[in-house]
């Protein structure tokens, strides 16, 4: 009779382990969530915005134009990036972007640091905002 009992025990161990099933299910769920996040990522990119390629372009701007100066390595610029790009999306054709290291020519003296917002009237820089407050400043100018 003891032989039968050990055979039954061996047979019951051949089924799927609930812990293995749980680990597999969590893995599949995790992979699915990552795929969904990648597919539905709605974050905006600086490439979505219109950029100036030379500082001399400021001289030829008509009317009121806002120029947002940033760098990819600036921590504050990265912190406010999505907010600035949402404003760009919501108020198209109002703000030009300047990735400072990639813009040809001499940097305007009004840019003492980044991020910076230049307010340009008919080709003349009439005001500027430097630092994280550029988001609130631009928002108030656009609204």
N, C-alpha and C. Protein backbone atom coordinates (compact mmCIF):
# COMPACT_ATOMS: atom_id res chain seq x y z
N UNK A 1 0.80 -1.18 0.00
CA UNK A 1 0.00 0.00 0.00
C UNK A 1 0.86 1.27 0.00
N UNK A 2 1.97 1.21 0.56
CA UNK A 2 2.86 2.36 0.60
C UNK A 2 3.34 2.73 -0.79
N UNK A 3 3.48 1.77 -1.67
CA UNK A 3 3.91 2.05 -3.04
C UNK A 3 2.87 2.89 -3.78
N UNK A 4 1.61 2.59 -3.61
CA UNK A 4 0.54 3.36 -4.26
C UNK A 4 0.53 4.82 -3.80
N UNK A 5 0.77 5.06 -2.54
CA UNK A 5 0.75 6.41 -2.00
C UNK A 5 1.84 7.26 -2.62
N UNK A 6 3.03 6.71 -2.80
CA UNK A 6 4.11 7.49 -3.39
C UNK A 6 3.84 7.77 -4.85
N UNK A 7 3.19 6.88 -5.54
CA UNK A 7 2.84 7.13 -6.94
C UNK A 7 1.82 8.25 -7.06
N UNK A 8 0.88 8.27 -6.15
CA UNK A 8 -0.13 9.32 -6.17
C UNK A 8 0.54 10.67 -5.88
N UNK A 9 1.46 10.70 -4.94
CA UNK A 9 2.16 11.94 -4.61
C UNK A 9 2.96 12.43 -5.80
N UNK A 10 3.60 11.54 -6.52
CA UNK A 10 4.38 11.94 -7.68
C UNK A 10 3.49 12.49 -8.77
N UNK A 11 2.33 11.87 -8.96
CA UNK A 11 1.40 12.35 -9.97
C UNK A 11 0.87 13.75 -9.63
N UNK A 12 0.59 14.01 -8.37
CA UNK A 12 0.05 15.32 -8.00
C UNK A 12 1.11 16.42 -8.14
N UNK A 13 2.37 16.12 -8.09
CA UNK A 13 3.43 17.12 -8.25
C UNK A 13 3.69 17.44 -9.72
N UNK A 14 3.16 16.64 -10.64
CA UNK A 14 3.39 16.88 -12.06
C UNK A 14 2.55 18.03 -12.61
N UNK A 15 1.54 18.51 -11.89
CA UNK A 15 0.70 19.61 -12.35
C UNK A 15 1.47 20.93 -12.30
N UNK A 16 0.90 21.99 -12.87
CA UNK A 16 1.55 23.31 -12.87
C UNK A 16 1.57 23.90 -11.47
N UNK A 17 2.70 24.40 -11.10
CA UNK A 17 2.89 25.04 -9.81
C UNK A 17 2.21 26.41 -9.82
N UNK A 18 1.35 26.71 -8.85
CA UNK A 18 0.67 28.01 -8.82
C UNK A 18 1.64 29.20 -8.79
N UNK A 19 2.78 29.03 -8.16
CA UNK A 19 3.77 30.11 -8.12
C UNK A 19 4.32 30.39 -9.52
N UNK A 20 4.58 29.34 -10.28
CA UNK A 20 5.07 29.51 -11.66
C UNK A 20 4.02 30.22 -12.51
N UNK A 21 2.79 29.82 -12.35
CA UNK A 21 1.70 30.44 -13.11
C UNK A 21 1.61 31.92 -12.77
N UNK A 22 1.71 32.27 -11.50
CA UNK A 22 1.65 33.66 -11.06
C UNK A 22 2.81 34.47 -11.64
N UNK A 23 4.01 33.93 -11.59
CA UNK A 23 5.18 34.63 -12.13
C UNK A 23 5.04 34.85 -13.63
N UNK A 24 4.58 33.85 -14.34
CA UNK A 24 4.38 33.98 -15.80
C UNK A 24 3.31 35.03 -16.09
N UNK A 25 2.22 35.00 -15.34
CA UNK A 25 1.14 35.97 -15.57
C UNK A 25 1.63 37.40 -15.31
N UNK A 26 2.39 37.60 -14.25
CA UNK A 26 2.92 38.93 -13.95
C UNK A 26 3.88 39.37 -15.05
N UNK A 27 4.71 38.48 -15.55
CA UNK A 27 5.63 38.80 -16.63
C UNK A 27 4.90 39.22 -17.90
N UNK A 28 3.86 38.47 -18.26
CA UNK A 28 3.08 38.80 -19.45
C UNK A 28 2.38 40.15 -19.27
N UNK A 29 1.83 40.40 -18.09
CA UNK A 29 1.18 41.67 -17.81
C UNK A 29 2.17 42.82 -17.90
N UNK A 30 3.36 42.66 -17.35
CA UNK A 30 4.39 43.68 -17.39
C UNK A 30 4.79 44.01 -18.82
N UNK A 31 5.02 42.99 -19.63
CA UNK A 31 5.40 43.19 -21.04
C UNK A 31 4.27 43.89 -21.79
N UNK A 32 3.04 43.51 -21.52
CA UNK A 32 1.89 44.14 -22.16
C UNK A 32 1.81 45.63 -21.79
N UNK A 33 2.01 45.95 -20.51
CA UNK A 33 1.95 47.35 -20.08
C UNK A 33 3.05 48.18 -20.73
N UNK A 34 4.23 47.62 -20.87
CA UNK A 34 5.32 48.34 -21.53
C UNK A 34 4.97 48.59 -23.00
N UNK A 35 4.43 47.58 -23.67
CA UNK A 35 4.06 47.74 -25.07
C UNK A 35 2.99 48.82 -25.24
N UNK A 36 2.00 48.83 -24.37
CA UNK A 36 0.93 49.83 -24.43
C UNK A 36 1.51 51.22 -24.18
N UNK A 37 2.40 51.34 -23.22
CA UNK A 37 3.02 52.64 -22.92
C UNK A 37 3.81 53.17 -24.12
N UNK A 38 4.50 52.29 -24.81
CA UNK A 38 5.28 52.70 -25.97
C UNK A 38 4.36 53.11 -27.12
N UNK A 39 3.33 52.34 -27.35
CA UNK A 39 2.41 52.60 -28.46
C UNK A 39 1.63 53.90 -28.24
N UNK A 40 1.19 54.14 -27.01
CA UNK A 40 0.33 55.29 -26.74
C UNK A 40 1.07 56.44 -26.09
N UNK A 41 2.38 56.48 -26.21
CA UNK A 41 3.17 57.57 -25.64
C UNK A 41 2.82 58.86 -26.37
N UNK A 42 2.24 59.81 -25.62
CA UNK A 42 1.83 61.06 -26.25
C UNK A 42 2.75 62.23 -25.88
N UNK A 43 3.94 61.89 -25.39
CA UNK A 43 4.86 62.96 -25.05
C UNK A 43 5.30 63.69 -26.32
N UNK A 44 5.54 64.95 -26.17
CA UNK A 44 5.92 65.78 -27.30
C UNK A 44 7.44 65.88 -27.36
N UNK A 45 7.94 66.23 -28.51
CA UNK A 45 9.38 66.32 -28.72
C UNK A 45 9.72 67.72 -29.23
N UNK A 46 10.95 68.15 -28.93
CA UNK A 46 11.39 69.43 -29.47
C UNK A 46 11.34 69.45 -30.99
N UNK A 47 11.46 68.30 -31.60
CA UNK A 47 11.40 68.27 -33.07
C UNK A 47 10.01 68.63 -33.59
N UNK A 48 9.00 68.64 -32.70
CA UNK A 48 7.64 69.05 -33.08
C UNK A 48 7.53 70.57 -33.24
N UNK A 49 8.49 71.30 -32.72
CA UNK A 49 8.43 72.76 -32.73
C UNK A 49 9.28 73.33 -33.86
N UNK A 50 8.88 74.52 -34.32
CA UNK A 50 9.65 75.21 -35.36
C UNK A 50 10.86 75.89 -34.72
N UNK A 51 12.02 75.67 -35.28
CA UNK A 51 13.27 76.20 -34.74
C UNK A 51 13.89 77.25 -35.66
N UNK A 52 14.65 78.14 -35.04
CA UNK A 52 15.46 79.04 -35.84
C UNK A 52 16.82 78.37 -36.03
N UNK A 53 17.47 78.67 -37.13
CA UNK A 53 18.79 78.07 -37.40
C UNK A 53 19.92 79.08 -37.24
N UNK A 54 19.57 80.39 -37.21
CA UNK A 54 20.58 81.43 -37.03
C UNK A 54 19.98 82.56 -36.18
N UNK A 55 20.80 83.12 -35.31
CA UNK A 55 20.33 84.21 -34.46
C UNK A 55 19.92 85.43 -35.29
N UNK A 56 20.49 85.57 -36.45
CA UNK A 56 20.16 86.71 -37.31
C UNK A 56 18.70 86.68 -37.76
N UNK A 57 18.04 85.55 -37.66
CA UNK A 57 16.61 85.46 -38.03
C UNK A 57 15.76 86.38 -37.16
N UNK A 58 16.21 86.63 -35.95
CA UNK A 58 15.46 87.51 -35.04
C UNK A 58 15.29 88.89 -35.67
N UNK A 59 16.34 89.36 -36.34
CA UNK A 59 16.32 90.71 -36.93
C UNK A 59 15.22 90.88 -37.98
N UNK A 60 14.78 89.81 -38.58
CA UNK A 60 13.80 89.89 -39.67
C UNK A 60 12.38 89.52 -39.23
N UNK A 61 12.17 89.31 -37.95
CA UNK A 61 10.84 88.91 -37.47
C UNK A 61 9.89 90.09 -37.47
N UNK A 62 8.69 89.85 -38.00
CA UNK A 62 7.65 90.88 -38.04
C UNK A 62 6.66 90.65 -36.91
N UNK A 63 6.14 91.76 -36.37
CA UNK A 63 5.15 91.65 -35.31
C UNK A 63 5.78 91.13 -34.03
N UNK A 64 4.92 90.57 -33.18
CA UNK A 64 5.39 90.02 -31.91
C UNK A 64 5.69 88.54 -32.09
N UNK A 65 6.90 88.15 -31.71
CA UNK A 65 7.34 86.76 -31.79
C UNK A 65 8.02 86.40 -30.49
N UNK A 66 7.82 85.17 -30.06
CA UNK A 66 8.48 84.68 -28.86
C UNK A 66 9.51 83.63 -29.29
N UNK A 67 10.71 83.76 -28.74
CA UNK A 67 11.77 82.81 -29.04
C UNK A 67 12.18 82.14 -27.74
N UNK A 68 12.03 80.84 -27.69
CA UNK A 68 12.38 80.06 -26.51
C UNK A 68 13.75 79.43 -26.72
N UNK A 69 14.73 79.83 -25.92
CA UNK A 69 16.09 79.31 -26.02
C UNK A 69 16.29 78.24 -24.95
N UNK A 70 16.83 77.11 -25.36
CA UNK A 70 17.03 75.98 -24.45
C UNK A 70 18.27 75.20 -24.89
N UNK A 71 18.67 74.26 -24.05
CA UNK A 71 19.66 73.26 -24.45
C UNK A 71 19.16 71.90 -24.00
N UNK A 72 19.60 70.87 -24.69
CA UNK A 72 19.19 69.51 -24.34
C UNK A 72 19.77 69.07 -23.00
N UNK A 73 20.85 69.70 -22.55
CA UNK A 73 21.51 69.27 -21.32
C UNK A 73 21.10 70.10 -20.10
N UNK A 74 20.28 71.10 -20.29
CA UNK A 74 19.84 71.96 -19.19
C UNK A 74 18.77 71.24 -18.36
N UNK A 75 19.01 71.03 -17.07
CA UNK A 75 18.01 70.34 -16.24
C UNK A 75 16.67 71.07 -16.16
N UNK A 76 16.71 72.38 -16.03
CA UNK A 76 15.44 73.13 -15.96
C UNK A 76 14.71 73.03 -17.29
N UNK A 77 15.45 73.11 -18.40
CA UNK A 77 14.83 72.98 -19.73
C UNK A 77 14.12 71.64 -19.85
N UNK A 78 14.73 70.60 -19.35
CA UNK A 78 14.12 69.28 -19.41
C UNK A 78 12.89 69.20 -18.51
N UNK A 79 12.95 69.85 -17.34
CA UNK A 79 11.81 69.84 -16.42
C UNK A 79 10.58 70.52 -17.03
N UNK A 80 10.78 71.58 -17.80
CA UNK A 80 9.64 72.34 -18.34
C UNK A 80 9.35 71.99 -19.80
N UNK A 81 10.09 71.05 -20.35
CA UNK A 81 9.98 70.71 -21.78
C UNK A 81 8.55 70.42 -22.20
N UNK A 82 7.87 69.50 -21.51
CA UNK A 82 6.52 69.13 -21.93
C UNK A 82 5.55 70.30 -21.83
N UNK A 83 5.67 71.11 -20.78
CA UNK A 83 4.79 72.27 -20.65
C UNK A 83 5.00 73.26 -21.80
N UNK A 84 6.25 73.49 -22.14
CA UNK A 84 6.54 74.42 -23.25
C UNK A 84 6.01 73.86 -24.57
N UNK A 85 6.15 72.56 -24.76
CA UNK A 85 5.69 71.97 -26.02
C UNK A 85 4.17 71.88 -26.09
N UNK A 86 3.51 71.76 -24.95
CA UNK A 86 2.04 71.81 -24.94
C UNK A 86 1.57 73.20 -25.35
N UNK A 87 2.25 74.23 -24.84
CA UNK A 87 1.92 75.61 -25.27
C UNK A 87 2.14 75.77 -26.76
N UNK A 88 3.22 75.18 -27.25
CA UNK A 88 3.51 75.25 -28.69
C UNK A 88 2.40 74.56 -29.50
N UNK A 89 1.92 73.45 -29.00
CA UNK A 89 0.85 72.73 -29.68
C UNK A 89 -0.47 73.50 -29.62
N UNK A 90 -0.76 74.06 -28.44
CA UNK A 90 -2.03 74.75 -28.23
C UNK A 90 -2.07 76.14 -28.88
N UNK A 91 -0.92 76.75 -29.06
CA UNK A 91 -0.82 78.07 -29.68
C UNK A 91 0.19 78.01 -30.82
N UNK A 92 -0.19 77.36 -31.92
CA UNK A 92 0.77 77.18 -33.02
C UNK A 92 1.18 78.51 -33.65
N UNK A 93 2.37 78.51 -34.20
CA UNK A 93 2.91 79.67 -34.94
C UNK A 93 3.09 80.92 -34.09
N UNK A 94 3.29 80.74 -32.79
CA UNK A 94 3.51 81.91 -31.93
C UNK A 94 4.91 81.92 -31.33
N UNK A 95 5.51 80.76 -31.20
CA UNK A 95 6.80 80.65 -30.54
C UNK A 95 7.78 79.89 -31.42
N UNK A 96 8.97 80.45 -31.55
CA UNK A 96 10.05 79.76 -32.24
C UNK A 96 11.00 79.22 -31.19
N UNK A 97 11.60 78.12 -31.49
CA UNK A 97 12.50 77.47 -30.54
C UNK A 97 13.94 77.62 -31.03
N UNK A 98 14.87 77.71 -30.08
CA UNK A 98 16.29 77.84 -30.40
C UNK A 98 17.08 76.91 -29.49
N UNK A 99 17.58 75.82 -30.07
CA UNK A 99 18.48 74.93 -29.34
C UNK A 99 19.85 75.61 -29.40
N UNK A 100 20.19 76.33 -28.37
CA UNK A 100 21.31 77.29 -28.37
C UNK A 100 22.59 76.76 -29.03
N UNK A 101 23.06 75.56 -28.70
CA UNK A 101 24.31 75.11 -29.33
C UNK A 101 24.21 74.88 -30.83
N UNK A 102 23.01 74.75 -31.34
CA UNK A 102 22.83 74.44 -32.76
C UNK A 102 22.45 75.65 -33.61
N UNK A 103 22.35 76.82 -32.99
CA UNK A 103 21.97 78.03 -33.74
C UNK A 103 23.24 78.77 -34.14
N UNK A 104 23.31 79.09 -35.43
CA UNK A 104 24.50 79.78 -35.97
C UNK A 104 24.53 81.24 -35.54
N UNK A 105 25.74 81.76 -35.41
CA UNK A 105 25.92 83.18 -35.11
C UNK A 105 26.17 83.44 -33.64
N UNK A 106 26.28 84.71 -33.33
CA UNK A 106 26.54 85.13 -31.95
C UNK A 106 25.25 85.11 -31.14
N UNK A 107 25.33 84.53 -29.96
CA UNK A 107 24.17 84.47 -29.07
C UNK A 107 23.84 85.88 -28.62
N UNK A 108 22.56 86.27 -28.68
CA UNK A 108 22.18 87.61 -28.22
C UNK A 108 22.57 87.81 -26.75
N UNK A 109 23.02 89.01 -26.43
CA UNK A 109 23.43 89.30 -25.06
C UNK A 109 22.26 89.18 -24.07
N UNK A 110 21.05 89.24 -24.57
CA UNK A 110 19.87 89.11 -23.71
C UNK A 110 19.73 87.70 -23.14
N UNK A 111 20.41 86.74 -23.71
CA UNK A 111 20.37 85.37 -23.20
C UNK A 111 21.53 85.20 -22.23
N UNK A 112 21.22 85.35 -20.94
CA UNK A 112 22.25 85.21 -19.91
C UNK A 112 22.28 83.79 -19.35
N UNK A 113 21.34 83.00 -19.74
CA UNK A 113 21.25 81.61 -19.30
C UNK A 113 20.06 80.96 -19.96
N UNK A 114 19.92 79.67 -19.78
CA UNK A 114 18.77 78.94 -20.32
C UNK A 114 18.06 78.22 -19.18
N UNK A 115 16.78 78.05 -19.32
CA UNK A 115 15.92 78.46 -20.42
C UNK A 115 15.71 79.97 -20.43
N UNK A 116 15.46 80.47 -21.61
CA UNK A 116 15.20 81.91 -21.77
C UNK A 116 14.09 82.11 -22.78
N UNK A 117 13.27 83.09 -22.54
CA UNK A 117 12.22 83.48 -23.46
C UNK A 117 12.49 84.91 -23.89
N UNK A 118 12.67 85.08 -25.19
CA UNK A 118 12.88 86.41 -25.75
C UNK A 118 11.57 86.91 -26.34
N UNK A 119 11.20 88.12 -26.00
CA UNK A 119 10.02 88.74 -26.60
C UNK A 119 10.55 89.70 -27.67
N UNK A 120 10.17 89.41 -28.91
CA UNK A 120 10.70 90.16 -30.06
C UNK A 120 9.56 90.94 -30.70
N UNK A 121 9.79 92.24 -30.90
CA UNK A 121 8.83 93.12 -31.58
C UNK A 121 9.50 93.65 -32.84
N UNK A 122 8.97 93.26 -33.98
CA UNK A 122 9.50 93.73 -35.27
C UNK A 122 11.03 93.65 -35.35
N UNK A 123 11.57 92.51 -34.95
CA UNK A 123 13.00 92.27 -35.08
C UNK A 123 13.87 92.80 -33.95
N UNK A 124 13.25 93.37 -32.93
CA UNK A 124 14.01 93.91 -31.80
C UNK A 124 13.61 93.16 -30.53
N UNK A 125 14.59 92.68 -29.79
CA UNK A 125 14.32 92.01 -28.52
C UNK A 125 13.96 93.09 -27.50
N UNK A 126 12.70 93.08 -27.06
CA UNK A 126 12.22 94.12 -26.16
C UNK A 126 12.16 93.67 -24.71
N UNK A 127 12.20 92.36 -24.49
CA UNK A 127 12.14 91.85 -23.12
C UNK A 127 12.62 90.41 -23.11
N UNK A 128 12.90 89.91 -21.93
CA UNK A 128 13.33 88.52 -21.80
C UNK A 128 12.93 88.01 -20.42
N UNK A 129 12.79 86.70 -20.34
CA UNK A 129 12.55 86.01 -19.08
C UNK A 129 13.54 84.86 -19.05
N UNK A 130 14.22 84.68 -17.92
CA UNK A 130 15.20 83.61 -17.81
C UNK A 130 14.84 82.72 -16.62
N UNK A 131 14.94 81.43 -16.83
CA UNK A 131 14.68 80.48 -15.75
C UNK A 131 13.36 79.76 -15.93
N UNK A 132 13.00 78.99 -14.92
CA UNK A 132 11.79 78.14 -14.99
C UNK A 132 10.51 78.94 -15.19
N UNK A 133 10.52 80.22 -14.85
CA UNK A 133 9.30 81.03 -14.98
C UNK A 133 8.93 81.34 -16.43
N UNK A 134 9.74 80.88 -17.40
CA UNK A 134 9.40 81.14 -18.80
C UNK A 134 8.06 80.51 -19.17
N UNK A 135 7.72 79.39 -18.55
CA UNK A 135 6.44 78.72 -18.86
C UNK A 135 5.28 79.65 -18.48
N UNK A 136 5.28 80.15 -17.26
CA UNK A 136 4.20 81.02 -16.81
C UNK A 136 4.19 82.32 -17.60
N UNK A 137 5.36 82.83 -17.90
CA UNK A 137 5.44 84.09 -18.67
C UNK A 137 4.85 83.90 -20.07
N UNK A 138 5.23 82.82 -20.73
CA UNK A 138 4.69 82.58 -22.07
C UNK A 138 3.19 82.33 -22.03
N UNK A 139 2.77 81.54 -21.05
CA UNK A 139 1.33 81.26 -20.92
C UNK A 139 0.54 82.56 -20.76
N UNK A 140 1.02 83.46 -19.92
CA UNK A 140 0.29 84.71 -19.71
C UNK A 140 0.33 85.60 -20.95
N UNK A 141 1.40 85.54 -21.72
CA UNK A 141 1.48 86.33 -22.96
C UNK A 141 0.54 85.78 -24.02
N UNK A 142 0.35 84.47 -24.05
CA UNK A 142 -0.47 83.85 -25.09
C UNK A 142 -1.95 83.86 -24.76
N UNK A 143 -2.29 83.88 -23.51
CA UNK A 143 -3.72 83.78 -23.13
C UNK A 143 -4.41 85.08 -23.10
